[in-house]
Amino acid sequence: MRWLLFLSRLAFICGIFFLVAISLLVKAWLPDGNLKSTIIIIGDLMGMIIFPAVTLCYLGVWMIKRKVREYVPLWLIIANVLFLLALIYFIFYLNDPYYHQR
């Protein structure tokens, strides 16, 4: 189950980049375009793949009656689930029809 710990750590790193990408959306504080695009790719694109995959792996391990906390620390599980919820909220926020009326 070392793969689950690895995926959890990778999802956490993508979550940090997701928060930085959100801050870049609010205010463009980074002048370099290449670094900005790398942060956005890691945060948004990889986050859209990694967060649901890790959460499904957590559910799969839980369904086969094993404790996920034996393999992954609880703070990492909570952080990854919160990043997934933040990503879902962000996707729904961007697809809101009232968002584009401004």
PDB file of N, CA and C in Angstrom:
ATOM      1  N   MET A   1       0.807  -1.202   0.000  1.00  0.00           N
ATOM      2  CA  MET A   1       0.000   0.000   0.000  1.00  0.00           C
ATOM      3  C   MET A   1       0.851   1.268   0.000  1.00  0.00           C
ATOM      4  N   ARG A   2       2.113   1.128  -0.365  1.00  0.00           N
ATOM      5  CA  ARG A   2       2.968   2.310  -0.480  1.00  0.00           C
ATOM      6  C   ARG A   2       2.512   3.180  -1.643  1.00  0.00           C
ATOM      7  N   TRP A   3       1.861   2.584  -2.632  1.00  0.00           N
ATOM      8  CA  TRP A   3       1.384   3.343  -3.775  1.00  0.00           C
ATOM      9  C   TRP A   3       0.299   4.335  -3.367  1.00  0.00           C
ATOM     10  N   LEU A   4      -0.506   3.972  -2.379  1.00  0.00           N
ATOM     11  CA  LEU A   4      -1.549   4.874  -1.910  1.00  0.00           C
ATOM     12  C   LEU A   4      -0.943   6.073  -1.179  1.00  0.00           C
ATOM     13  N   LEU A   5       0.098   5.835  -0.425  1.00  0.00           N
ATOM     14  CA  LEU A   5       0.795   6.941   0.237  1.00  0.00           C
ATOM     15  C   LEU A   5       1.452   7.853  -0.795  1.00  0.00           C
ATOM     16  N   PHE A   6       2.039   7.256  -1.829  1.00  0.00           N
ATOM     17  CA  PHE A   6       2.645   8.053  -2.893  1.00  0.00           C
ATOM     18  C   PHE A   6       1.609   8.902  -3.616  1.00  0.00           C
ATOM     19  N   LEU A   7       0.470   8.288  -3.976  1.00  0.00           N
ATOM     20  CA  LEU A   7      -0.584   9.040  -4.646  1.00  0.00           C
ATOM     21  C   LEU A   7      -1.154  10.134  -3.760  1.00  0.00           C
ATOM     22  N   SER A   8      -1.244   9.870  -2.466  1.00  0.00           N
ATOM     23  CA  SER A   8      -1.746  10.872  -1.536  1.00  0.00           C
ATOM     24  C   SER A   8      -0.798  12.059  -1.453  1.00  0.00           C
ATOM     25  N   ARG A   9       0.485  11.793  -1.411  1.00  0.00           N
ATOM     26  CA  ARG A   9       1.464  12.880  -1.383  1.00  0.00           C
ATOM     27  C   ARG A   9       1.462  13.671  -2.686  1.00  0.00           C
ATOM     28  N   LEU A  10       1.330  12.973  -3.805  1.00  0.00           N
ATOM     29  CA  LEU A  10       1.254  13.636  -5.101  1.00  0.00           C
ATOM     30  C   LEU A  10       0.005  14.510  -5.189  1.00  0.00           C
ATOM     31  N   ALA A  11      -1.106  14.015  -4.679  1.00  0.00           N
ATOM     32  CA  ALA A  11      -2.341  14.807  -4.674  1.00  0.00           C
ATOM     33  C   ALA A  11      -2.206  16.022  -3.767  1.00  0.00           C
ATOM     34  N   PHE A  12      -1.500  15.883  -2.662  1.00  0.00           N
ATOM     35  CA  PHE A  12      -1.299  17.020  -1.774  1.00  0.00           C
ATOM     36  C   PHE A  12      -0.468  18.109  -2.453  1.00  0.00           C
ATOM     37  N   ILE A  13       0.580  17.710  -3.156  1.00  0.00           N
ATOM     38  CA  ILE A  13       1.406  18.672  -3.888  1.00  0.00           C
ATOM     39  C   ILE A  13       0.586  19.347  -4.985  1.00  0.00           C
ATOM     40  N   CYS A  14      -0.245  18.577  -5.695  1.00  0.00           N
ATOM     41  CA  CYS A  14      -1.124  19.171  -6.710  1.00  0.00           C
ATOM     42  C   CYS A  14      -2.133  20.112  -6.061  1.00  0.00           C
ATOM     43  N   GLY A  15      -2.567  19.811  -4.853  1.00  0.00           N
ATOM     44  CA  GLY A  15      -3.490  20.681  -4.139  1.00  0.00           C
ATOM     45  C   GLY A  15      -2.857  22.013  -3.782  1.00  0.00           C
ATOM     46  N   ILE A  16      -1.604  21.979  -3.367  1.00  0.00           N
ATOM     47  CA  ILE A  16      -0.891  23.222  -3.089  1.00  0.00           C
ATOM     48  C   ILE A  16      -0.775  24.062  -4.361  1.00  0.00           C
ATOM     49  N   PHE A  17      -0.447  23.408  -5.476  1.00  0.00           N
ATOM     50  CA  PHE A  17      -0.365  24.119  -6.744  1.00  0.00           C
ATOM     51  C   PHE A  17      -1.735  24.617  -7.190  1.00  0.00           C
ATOM     52  N   PHE A  18      -2.796  23.891  -6.854  1.00  0.00           N
ATOM     53  CA  PHE A  18      -4.154  24.331  -7.174  1.00  0.00           C
ATOM     54  C   PHE A  18      -4.477  25.626  -6.431  1.00  0.00           C
ATOM     55  N   LEU A  19      -4.112  25.713  -5.171  1.00  0.00           N
ATOM     56  CA  LEU A  19      -4.357  26.939  -4.412  1.00  0.00           C
ATOM     57  C   LEU A  19      -3.549  28.109  -4.959  1.00  0.00           C
ATOM     58  N   VAL A  20      -2.318  27.836  -5.376  1.00  0.00           N
ATOM     59  CA  VAL A  20      -1.494  28.893  -5.974  1.00  0.00           C
ATOM     60  C   VAL A  20      -2.102  29.336  -7.312  1.00  0.00           C
ATOM     61  N   ALA A  21      -2.631  28.383  -8.094  1.00  0.00           N
ATOM     62  CA  ALA A  21      -3.264  28.731  -9.368  1.00  0.00           C
ATOM     63  C   ALA A  21      -4.521  29.573  -9.143  1.00  0.00           C
ATOM     64  N   ILE A  22      -5.267  29.275  -8.091  1.00  0.00           N
ATOM     65  CA  ILE A  22      -6.438  30.086  -7.762  1.00  0.00           C
ATOM     66  C   ILE A  22      -5.998  31.501  -7.384  1.00  0.00           C
ATOM     67  N   SER A  23      -4.914  31.609  -6.630  1.00  0.00           N
ATOM     68  CA  SER A  23      -4.430  32.948  -6.264  1.00  0.00           C
ATOM     69  C   SER A  23      -3.938  33.708  -7.492  1.00  0.00           C
ATOM     70  N   LEU A  24      -3.400  33.001  -8.484  1.00  0.00           N
ATOM     71  CA  LEU A  24      -3.006  33.654  -9.728  1.00  0.00           C
ATOM     72  C   LEU A  24      -4.215  34.119 -10.522  1.00  0.00           C
ATOM     73  N   LEU A  25      -5.318  33.424 -10.382  1.00  0.00           N
ATOM     74  CA  LEU A  25      -6.537  33.841 -11.061  1.00  0.00           C
ATOM     75  C   LEU A  25      -7.106  35.106 -10.433  1.00  0.00           C
ATOM     76  N   VAL A  26      -7.006  35.196  -9.122  1.00  0.00           N
ATOM     77  CA  VAL A  26      -7.520  36.373  -8.422  1.00  0.00           C
ATOM     78  C   VAL A  26      -6.646  37.593  -8.702  1.00  0.00           C
ATOM     79  N   LYS A  27      -5.335  37.440  -8.570  1.00  0.00           N
ATOM     80  CA  LYS A  27      -4.417  38.543  -8.805  1.00  0.00           C
ATOM     81  C   LYS A  27      -3.166  38.007  -9.484  1.00  0.00           C
ATOM     82  N   ALA A  28      -2.798  38.587 -10.598  1.00  0.00           N
ATOM     83  CA  ALA A  28      -1.622  38.144 -11.353  1.00  0.00           C
ATOM     84  C   ALA A  28      -0.362  38.691 -10.685  1.00  0.00           C
ATOM     85  N   TRP A  29       0.131  37.986  -9.699  1.00  0.00           N
ATOM     86  CA  TRP A  29       1.292  38.437  -8.946  1.00  0.00           C
ATOM     87  C   TRP A  29       2.597  37.848  -9.473  1.00  0.00           C
ATOM     88  N   LEU A  30       2.514  36.971 -10.459  1.00  0.00           N
ATOM     89  CA  LEU A  30       3.705  36.329 -11.015  1.00  0.00           C
ATOM     90  C   LEU A  30       3.891  36.801 -12.460  1.00  0.00           C
ATOM     91  N   PRO A  31       4.985  37.505 -12.769  1.00  0.00           N
ATOM     92  CA  PRO A  31       5.128  38.061 -14.117  1.00  0.00           C
ATOM     93  C   PRO A  31       5.561  37.047 -15.176  1.00  0.00           C
ATOM     94  N   ASP A  32       6.222  35.980 -14.796  1.00  0.00           N
ATOM     95  CA  ASP A  32       6.758  35.016 -15.761  1.00  0.00           C
ATOM     96  C   ASP A  32       5.643  34.124 -16.295  1.00  0.00           C
ATOM     97  N   GLY A  33       5.477  34.097 -17.606  1.00  0.00           N
ATOM     98  CA  GLY A  33       4.409  33.315 -18.228  1.00  0.00           C
ATOM     99  C   GLY A  33       4.654  31.819 -18.185  1.00  0.00           C
ATOM    100  N   ASN A  34       5.917  31.403 -18.318  1.00  0.00           N
ATOM    101  CA  ASN A  34       6.210  29.970 -18.316  1.00  0.00           C
ATOM    102  C   ASN A  34       5.962  29.345 -16.951  1.00  0.00           C
ATOM    103  N   LEU A  35       6.397  30.015 -15.915  1.00  0.00           N
ATOM    104  CA  LEU A  35       6.180  29.503 -14.567  1.00  0.00           C
ATOM    105  C   LEU A  35       4.701  29.515 -14.213  1.00  0.00           C
ATOM    106  N   LYS A  36       4.011  30.548 -14.640  1.00  0.00           N
ATOM    107  CA  LYS A  36       2.578  30.653 -14.385  1.00  0.00           C
ATOM    108  C   LYS A  36       1.823  29.517 -15.071  1.00  0.00           C
ATOM    109  N   SER A  37       2.160  29.217 -16.312  1.00  0.00           N
ATOM    110  CA  SER A  37       1.469  28.143 -17.021  1.00  0.00           C
ATOM    111  C   SER A  37       1.790  26.781 -16.419  1.00  0.00           C
ATOM    112  N   THR A  38       3.004  26.594 -15.928  1.00  0.00           N
ATOM    113  CA  THR A  38       3.352  25.336 -15.268  1.00  0.00           C
ATOM    114  C   THR A  38       2.557  25.149 -13.986  1.00  0.00           C
ATOM    115  N   ILE A  39       2.420  26.204 -13.214  1.00  0.00           N
ATOM    116  CA  ILE A  39       1.641  26.128 -11.974  1.00  0.00           C
ATOM    117  C   ILE A  39       0.188  25.813 -12.283  1.00  0.00           C
ATOM    118  N   ILE A  40      -0.359  26.436 -13.311  1.00  0.00           N
ATOM    119  CA  ILE A  40      -1.759  26.200 -13.664  1.00  0.00           C
ATOM    120  C   ILE A  40      -1.963  24.774 -14.164  1.00  0.00           C
ATOM    121  N   ILE A  41      -1.043  24.261 -14.959  1.00  0.00           N
ATOM    122  CA  ILE A  41      -1.163  22.891 -15.460  1.00  0.00           C
ATOM    123  C   ILE A  41      -1.101  21.888 -14.309  1.00  0.00           C
ATOM    124  N   ILE A  42      -0.129  22.043 -13.423  1.00  0.00           N
ATOM    125  CA  ILE A  42      -0.005  21.115 -12.302  1.00  0.00           C
ATOM    126  C   ILE A  42      -1.207  21.225 -11.376  1.00  0.00           C
ATOM    127  N   GLY A  43      -1.641  22.430 -11.085  1.00  0.00           N
ATOM    128  CA  GLY A  43      -2.730  22.618 -10.143  1.00  0.00           C
ATOM    129  C   GLY A  43      -4.078  22.227 -10.682  1.00  0.00           C
ATOM    130  N   ASP A  44      -4.413  22.684 -11.877  1.00  0.00           N
ATOM    131  CA  ASP A  44      -5.752  22.449 -12.404  1.00  0.00           C
ATOM    132  C   ASP A  44      -5.866  21.121 -13.149  1.00  0.00           C
ATOM    133  N   LEU A  45      -5.037  20.936 -14.147  1.00  0.00           N
ATOM    134  CA  LEU A  45      -5.183  19.746 -14.982  1.00  0.00           C
ATOM    135  C   LEU A  45      -4.835  18.459 -14.231  1.00  0.00           C
ATOM    136  N   MET A  46      -3.672  18.446 -13.596  1.00  0.00           N
ATOM    137  CA  MET A  46      -3.319  17.241 -12.838  1.00  0.00           C
ATOM    138  C   MET A  46      -4.239  17.064 -11.639  1.00  0.00           C
ATOM    139  N   GLY A  47      -4.692  18.183 -11.060  1.00  0.00           N
ATOM    140  CA  GLY A  47      -5.610  18.097  -9.934  1.00  0.00           C
ATOM    141  C   GLY A  47      -6.928  17.466 -10.312  1.00  0.00           C
ATOM    142  N   MET A  48      -7.411  17.764 -11.516  1.00  0.00           N
ATOM    143  CA  MET A  48      -8.671  17.173 -11.973  1.00  0.00           C
ATOM    144  C   MET A  48      -8.570  15.668 -12.181  1.00  0.00           C
ATOM    145  N   ILE A  49      -7.377  15.187 -12.373  1.00  0.00           N
ATOM    146  CA  ILE A  49      -7.173  13.747 -12.548  1.00  0.00           C
ATOM    147  C   ILE A  49      -6.825  13.081 -11.219  1.00  0.00           C
ATOM    148  N   ILE A  50      -5.935  13.686 -10.465  1.00  0.00           N
ATOM    149  CA  ILE A  50      -5.396  13.065  -9.252  1.00  0.00           C
ATOM    150  C   ILE A  50      -6.387  13.070  -8.097  1.00  0.00           C
ATOM    151  N   PHE A  51      -7.080  14.189  -7.847  1.00  0.00           N
ATOM    152  CA  PHE A  51      -7.972  14.267  -6.682  1.00  0.00           C
ATOM    153  C   PHE A  51      -9.085  13.220  -6.708  1.00  0.00           C
ATOM    154  N   PRO A  52      -9.817  13.080  -7.829  1.00  0.00           N
ATOM    155  CA  PRO A  52     -10.840  12.023  -7.835  1.00  0.00           C
ATOM    156  C   PRO A  52     -10.245  10.616  -7.777  1.00  0.00           C
ATOM    157  N   ALA A  53      -9.088  10.423  -8.409  1.00  0.00           N
ATOM    158  CA  ALA A  53      -8.470   9.091  -8.390  1.00  0.00           C
ATOM    159  C   ALA A  53      -8.062   8.692  -6.974  1.00  0.00           C
ATOM    160  N   VAL A  54      -7.466   9.614  -6.247  1.00  0.00           N
ATOM    161  CA  VAL A  54      -7.042   9.316  -4.875  1.00  0.00           C
ATOM    162  C   VAL A  54      -8.254   9.077  -3.980  1.00  0.00           C
ATOM    163  N   THR A  55      -9.297   9.878  -4.152  1.00  0.00           N
ATOM    164  CA  THR A  55     -10.497   9.692  -3.345  1.00  0.00           C
ATOM    165  C   THR A  55     -11.166   8.360  -3.655  1.00  0.00           C
ATOM    166  N   LEU A  56     -11.186   7.973  -4.919  1.00  0.00           N
ATOM    167  CA  LEU A  56     -11.729   6.652  -5.266  1.00  0.00           C
ATOM    168  C   LEU A  56     -10.859   5.527  -4.697  1.00  0.00           C
ATOM    169  N   CYS A  57      -9.562   5.724  -4.659  1.00  0.00           N
ATOM    170  CA  CYS A  57      -8.683   4.719  -4.036  1.00  0.00           C
ATOM    171  C   CYS A  57      -8.952   4.622  -2.544  1.00  0.00           C
ATOM    172  N   TYR A  58      -9.179   5.763  -1.880  1.00  0.00           N
ATOM    173  CA  TYR A  58      -9.540   5.732  -0.468  1.00  0.00           C
ATOM    174  C   TYR A  58     -10.830   4.940  -0.262  1.00  0.00           C
ATOM    175  N   LEU A  59     -11.818   5.205  -1.114  1.00  0.00           N
ATOM    176  CA  LEU A  59     -13.081   4.474  -1.004  1.00  0.00           C
ATOM    177  C   LEU A  59     -12.903   2.988  -1.291  1.00  0.00           C
ATOM    178  N   GLY A  60     -12.052   2.673  -2.267  1.00  0.00           N
ATOM    179  CA  GLY A  60     -11.804   1.264  -2.587  1.00  0.00           C
ATOM    180  C   GLY A  60     -11.134   0.517  -1.446  1.00  0.00           C
ATOM    181  N   VAL A  61     -10.162   1.135  -0.829  1.00  0.00           N
ATOM    182  CA  VAL A  61      -9.490   0.504   0.317  1.00  0.00           C
ATOM    183  C   VAL A  61     -10.458   0.373   1.481  1.00  0.00           C
ATOM    184  N   TRP A  62     -11.290   1.382   1.671  1.00  0.00           N
ATOM    185  CA  TRP A  62     -12.284   1.327   2.744  1.00  0.00           C
ATOM    186  C   TRP A  62     -13.332   0.248   2.482  1.00  0.00           C
ATOM    187  N   MET A  63     -13.680   0.037   1.197  1.00  0.00           N
ATOM    188  CA  MET A  63     -14.697  -0.967   0.847  1.00  0.00           C
ATOM    189  C   MET A  63     -14.186  -2.395   1.058  1.00  0.00           C
ATOM    190  N   ILE A  64     -12.888  -2.618   0.936  1.00  0.00           N
ATOM    191  CA  ILE A  64     -12.377  -3.969   1.158  1.00  0.00           C
ATOM    192  C   ILE A  64     -12.032  -4.198   2.626  1.00  0.00           C
ATOM    193  N   LYS A  65     -12.596  -3.346   3.463  1.00  0.00           N
ATOM    194  CA  LYS A  65     -12.529  -3.491   4.921  1.00  0.00           C
ATOM    195  C   LYS A  65     -11.128  -3.318   5.494  1.00  0.00           C
ATOM    196  N   ARG A  66     -10.356  -2.456   4.874  1.00  0.00           N
ATOM    197  CA  ARG A  66      -9.062  -2.102   5.456  1.00  0.00           C
ATOM    198  C   ARG A  66      -9.122  -0.665   5.913  1.00  0.00           C
ATOM    199  N   LYS A  67      -8.351  -0.360   6.909  1.00  0.00           N
ATOM    200  CA  LYS A  67      -8.322   1.006   7.408  1.00  0.00           C
ATOM    201  C   LYS A  67      -7.314   1.813   6.605  1.00  0.00           C
ATOM    202  N   VAL A  68      -7.797   2.889   6.033  1.00  0.00           N
ATOM    203  CA  VAL A  68      -6.941   3.752   5.226  1.00  0.00           C
ATOM    204  C   VAL A  68      -5.915   4.444   6.114  1.00  0.00           C
ATOM    205  N   ARG A  69      -6.282   4.692   7.361  1.00  0.00           N
ATOM    206  CA  ARG A  69      -5.376   5.397   8.278  1.00  0.00           C
ATOM    207  C   ARG A  69      -4.134   4.574   8.616  1.00  0.00           C
ATOM    208  N   GLU A  70      -4.157   3.281   8.358  1.00  0.00           N
ATOM    209  CA  GLU A  70      -2.952   2.475   8.575  1.00  0.00           C
ATOM    210  C   GLU A  70      -1.877   2.796   7.547  1.00  0.00           C
ATOM    211  N   TYR A  71      -2.292   3.280   6.387  1.00  0.00           N
ATOM    212  CA  TYR A  71      -1.363   3.520   5.291  1.00  0.00           C
ATOM    213  C   TYR A  71      -1.084   4.995   5.045  1.00  0.00           C
ATOM    214  N   VAL A  72      -2.084   5.826   5.298  1.00  0.00           N
ATOM    215  CA  VAL A  72      -1.979   7.261   5.015  1.00  0.00           C
ATOM    216  C   VAL A  72      -2.372   8.025   6.271  1.00  0.00           C
ATOM    217  N   PRO A  73      -1.617   9.065   6.643  1.00  0.00           N
ATOM    218  CA  PRO A  73      -1.998   9.857   7.821  1.00  0.00           C
ATOM    219  C   PRO A  73      -3.350  10.556   7.619  1.00  0.00           C
ATOM    220  N   LEU A  74      -4.048  10.748   8.729  1.00  0.00           N
ATOM    221  CA  LEU A  74      -5.391  11.313   8.675  1.00  0.00           C
ATOM    222  C   LEU A  74      -5.391  12.734   8.117  1.00  0.00           C
ATOM    223  N   TRP A  75      -4.390  13.536   8.460  1.00  0.00           N
ATOM    224  CA  TRP A  75      -4.358  14.909   7.963  1.00  0.00           C
ATOM    225  C   TRP A  75      -4.222  14.947   6.449  1.00  0.00           C
ATOM    226  N   LEU A  76      -3.524  13.970   5.871  1.00  0.00           N
ATOM    227  CA  LEU A  76      -3.349  13.914   4.429  1.00  0.00           C
ATOM    228  C   LEU A  76      -4.647  13.505   3.739  1.00  0.00           C
ATOM    229  N   ILE A  77      -5.376  12.597   4.345  1.00  0.00           N
ATOM    230  CA  ILE A  77      -6.675  12.181   3.802  1.00  0.00           C
ATOM    231  C   ILE A  77      -7.640  13.365   3.810  1.00  0.00           C
ATOM    232  N   ILE A  78      -7.708  14.064   4.939  1.00  0.00           N
ATOM    233  CA  ILE A  78      -8.621  15.204   5.058  1.00  0.00           C
ATOM    234  C   ILE A  78      -8.234  16.313   4.083  1.00  0.00           C
ATOM    235  N   ALA A  79      -6.941  16.582   3.951  1.00  0.00           N
ATOM    236  CA  ALA A  79      -6.483  17.635   3.038  1.00  0.00           C
ATOM    237  C   ALA A  79      -6.839  17.296   1.591  1.00  0.00           C
ATOM    238  N   ASN A  80      -6.647  16.047   1.186  1.00  0.00           N
ATOM    239  CA  ASN A  80      -6.954  15.660  -0.194  1.00  0.00           C
ATOM    240  C   ASN A  80      -8.447  15.711  -0.475  1.00  0.00           C
ATOM    241  N   VAL A  81      -9.262  15.318   0.478  1.00  0.00           N
ATOM    242  CA  VAL A  81     -10.713  15.395   0.282  1.00  0.00           C
ATOM    243  C   VAL A  81     -11.153  16.861   0.220  1.00  0.00           C
ATOM    244  N   LEU A  82     -10.562  17.717   1.042  1.00  0.00           N
ATOM    245  CA  LEU A  82     -10.892  19.144   0.987  1.00  0.00           C
ATOM    246  C   LEU A  82     -10.446  19.777  -0.331  1.00  0.00           C
ATOM    247  N   PHE A  83      -9.295  19.351  -0.848  1.00  0.00           N
ATOM    248  CA  PHE A  83      -8.864  19.847  -2.158  1.00  0.00           C
ATOM    249  C   PHE A  83      -9.839  19.403  -3.250  1.00  0.00           C
ATOM    250  N   LEU A  84     -10.346  18.179  -3.148  1.00  0.00           N
ATOM    251  CA  LEU A  84     -11.331  17.705  -4.122  1.00  0.00           C
ATOM    252  C   LEU A  84     -12.603  18.538  -4.041  1.00  0.00           C
ATOM    253  N   LEU A  85     -13.071  18.820  -2.843  1.00  0.00           N
ATOM    254  CA  LEU A  85     -14.274  19.641  -2.688  1.00  0.00           C
ATOM    255  C   LEU A  85     -14.048  21.059  -3.210  1.00  0.00           C
ATOM    256  N   ALA A  86     -12.862  21.604  -2.969  1.00  0.00           N
ATOM    257  CA  ALA A  86     -12.543  22.938  -3.486  1.00  0.00           C
ATOM    258  C   ALA A  86     -12.498  22.936  -5.010  1.00  0.00           C
ATOM    259  N   LEU A  87     -11.973  21.879  -5.604  1.00  0.00           N
ATOM    260  CA  LEU A  87     -11.924  21.780  -7.062  1.00  0.00           C
ATOM    261  C   LEU A  87     -13.330  21.677  -7.639  1.00  0.00           C
ATOM    262  N   ILE A  88     -14.183  20.889  -7.017  1.00  0.00           N
ATOM    263  CA  ILE A  88     -15.560  20.774  -7.489  1.00  0.00           C
ATOM    264  C   ILE A  88     -16.274  22.109  -7.382  1.00  0.00           C
ATOM    265  N   TYR A  89     -16.091  22.809  -6.273  1.00  0.00           N
ATOM    266  CA  TYR A  89     -16.702  24.128  -6.117  1.00  0.00           C
ATOM    267  C   TYR A  89     -16.178  25.094  -7.171  1.00  0.00           C
ATOM    268  N   PHE A  90     -14.893  25.053  -7.437  1.00  0.00           N
ATOM    269  CA  PHE A  90     -14.289  25.937  -8.435  1.00  0.00           C
ATOM    270  C   PHE A  90     -14.845  25.653  -9.828  1.00  0.00           C
ATOM    271  N   ILE A  91     -15.024  24.387 -10.170  1.00  0.00           N
ATOM    272  CA  ILE A  91     -15.575  24.024 -11.478  1.00  0.00           C
ATOM    273  C   ILE A  91     -17.012  24.528 -11.602  1.00  0.00           C
ATOM    274  N   PHE A  92     -17.816  24.345 -10.563  1.00  0.00           N
ATOM    275  CA  PHE A  92     -19.193  24.829 -10.614  1.00  0.00           C
ATOM    276  C   PHE A  92     -19.249  26.355 -10.620  1.00  0.00           C
ATOM    277  N   TYR A  93     -18.326  26.995  -9.958  1.00  0.00           N
ATOM    278  CA  TYR A  93     -18.275  28.456  -9.947  1.00  0.00           C
ATOM    279  C   TYR A  93     -17.962  28.993 -11.339  1.00  0.00           C
ATOM    280  N   LEU A  94     -17.028  28.361 -12.037  1.00  0.00           N
ATOM    281  CA  LEU A  94     -16.689  28.826 -13.375  1.00  0.00           C
ATOM    282  C   LEU A  94     -17.793  28.550 -14.384  1.00  0.00           C
ATOM    283  N   ASN A  95     -18.591  27.539 -14.175  1.00  0.00           N
ATOM    284  CA  ASN A  95     -19.668  27.206 -15.094  1.00  0.00           C
ATOM    285  C   ASN A  95     -20.994  27.850 -14.708  1.00  0.00           C
ATOM    286  N   ASP A  96     -20.968  28.723 -13.738  1.00  0.00           N
ATOM    287  CA  ASP A  96     -22.167  29.440 -13.329  1.00  0.00           C
ATOM    288  C   ASP A  96     -22.528  30.467 -14.405  1.00  0.00           C
ATOM    289  N   PRO A  97     -23.781  30.487 -14.868  1.00  0.00           N
ATOM    290  CA  PRO A  97     -24.124  31.443 -15.929  1.00  0.00           C
ATOM    291  C   PRO A  97     -24.035  32.897 -15.468  1.00  0.00           C
ATOM    292  N   TYR A  98     -24.197  33.159 -14.170  1.00  0.00           N
ATOM    293  CA  TYR A  98     -24.109  34.529 -13.678  1.00  0.00           C
ATOM    294  C   TYR A  98     -22.667  35.011 -13.582  1.00  0.00           C
ATOM    295  N   TYR A  99     -21.710  34.102 -13.586  1.00  0.00           N
ATOM    296  CA  TYR A  99     -20.294  34.473 -13.540  1.00  0.00           C
ATOM    297  C   TYR A  99     -19.881  35.190 -14.823  1.00  0.00           C
ATOM    298  N   HIS A 100     -20.456  34.796 -15.948  1.00  0.00           N
ATOM    299  CA  HIS A 100     -20.047  35.346 -17.232  1.00  0.00           C
ATOM    300  C   HIS A 100     -20.873  36.571 -17.655  1.00  0.00           C
ATOM    301  N   GLN A 101     -21.788  37.033 -16.829  1.00  0.00           N
ATOM    302  CA  GLN A 101     -22.594  38.192 -17.184  1.00  0.00           C
ATOM    303  C   GLN A 101     -21.877  39.506 -16.893  1.00  0.00           C
ATOM    304  N   ARG A 102     -20.812  39.498 -16.166  1.00  0.00           N
ATOM    305  CA  ARG A 102     -20.126  40.740 -15.818  1.00  0.00           C
ATOM    306  C   ARG A 102     -19.451  41.364 -16.992  1.00  0.00           C
TER     307      ARG A 102
END
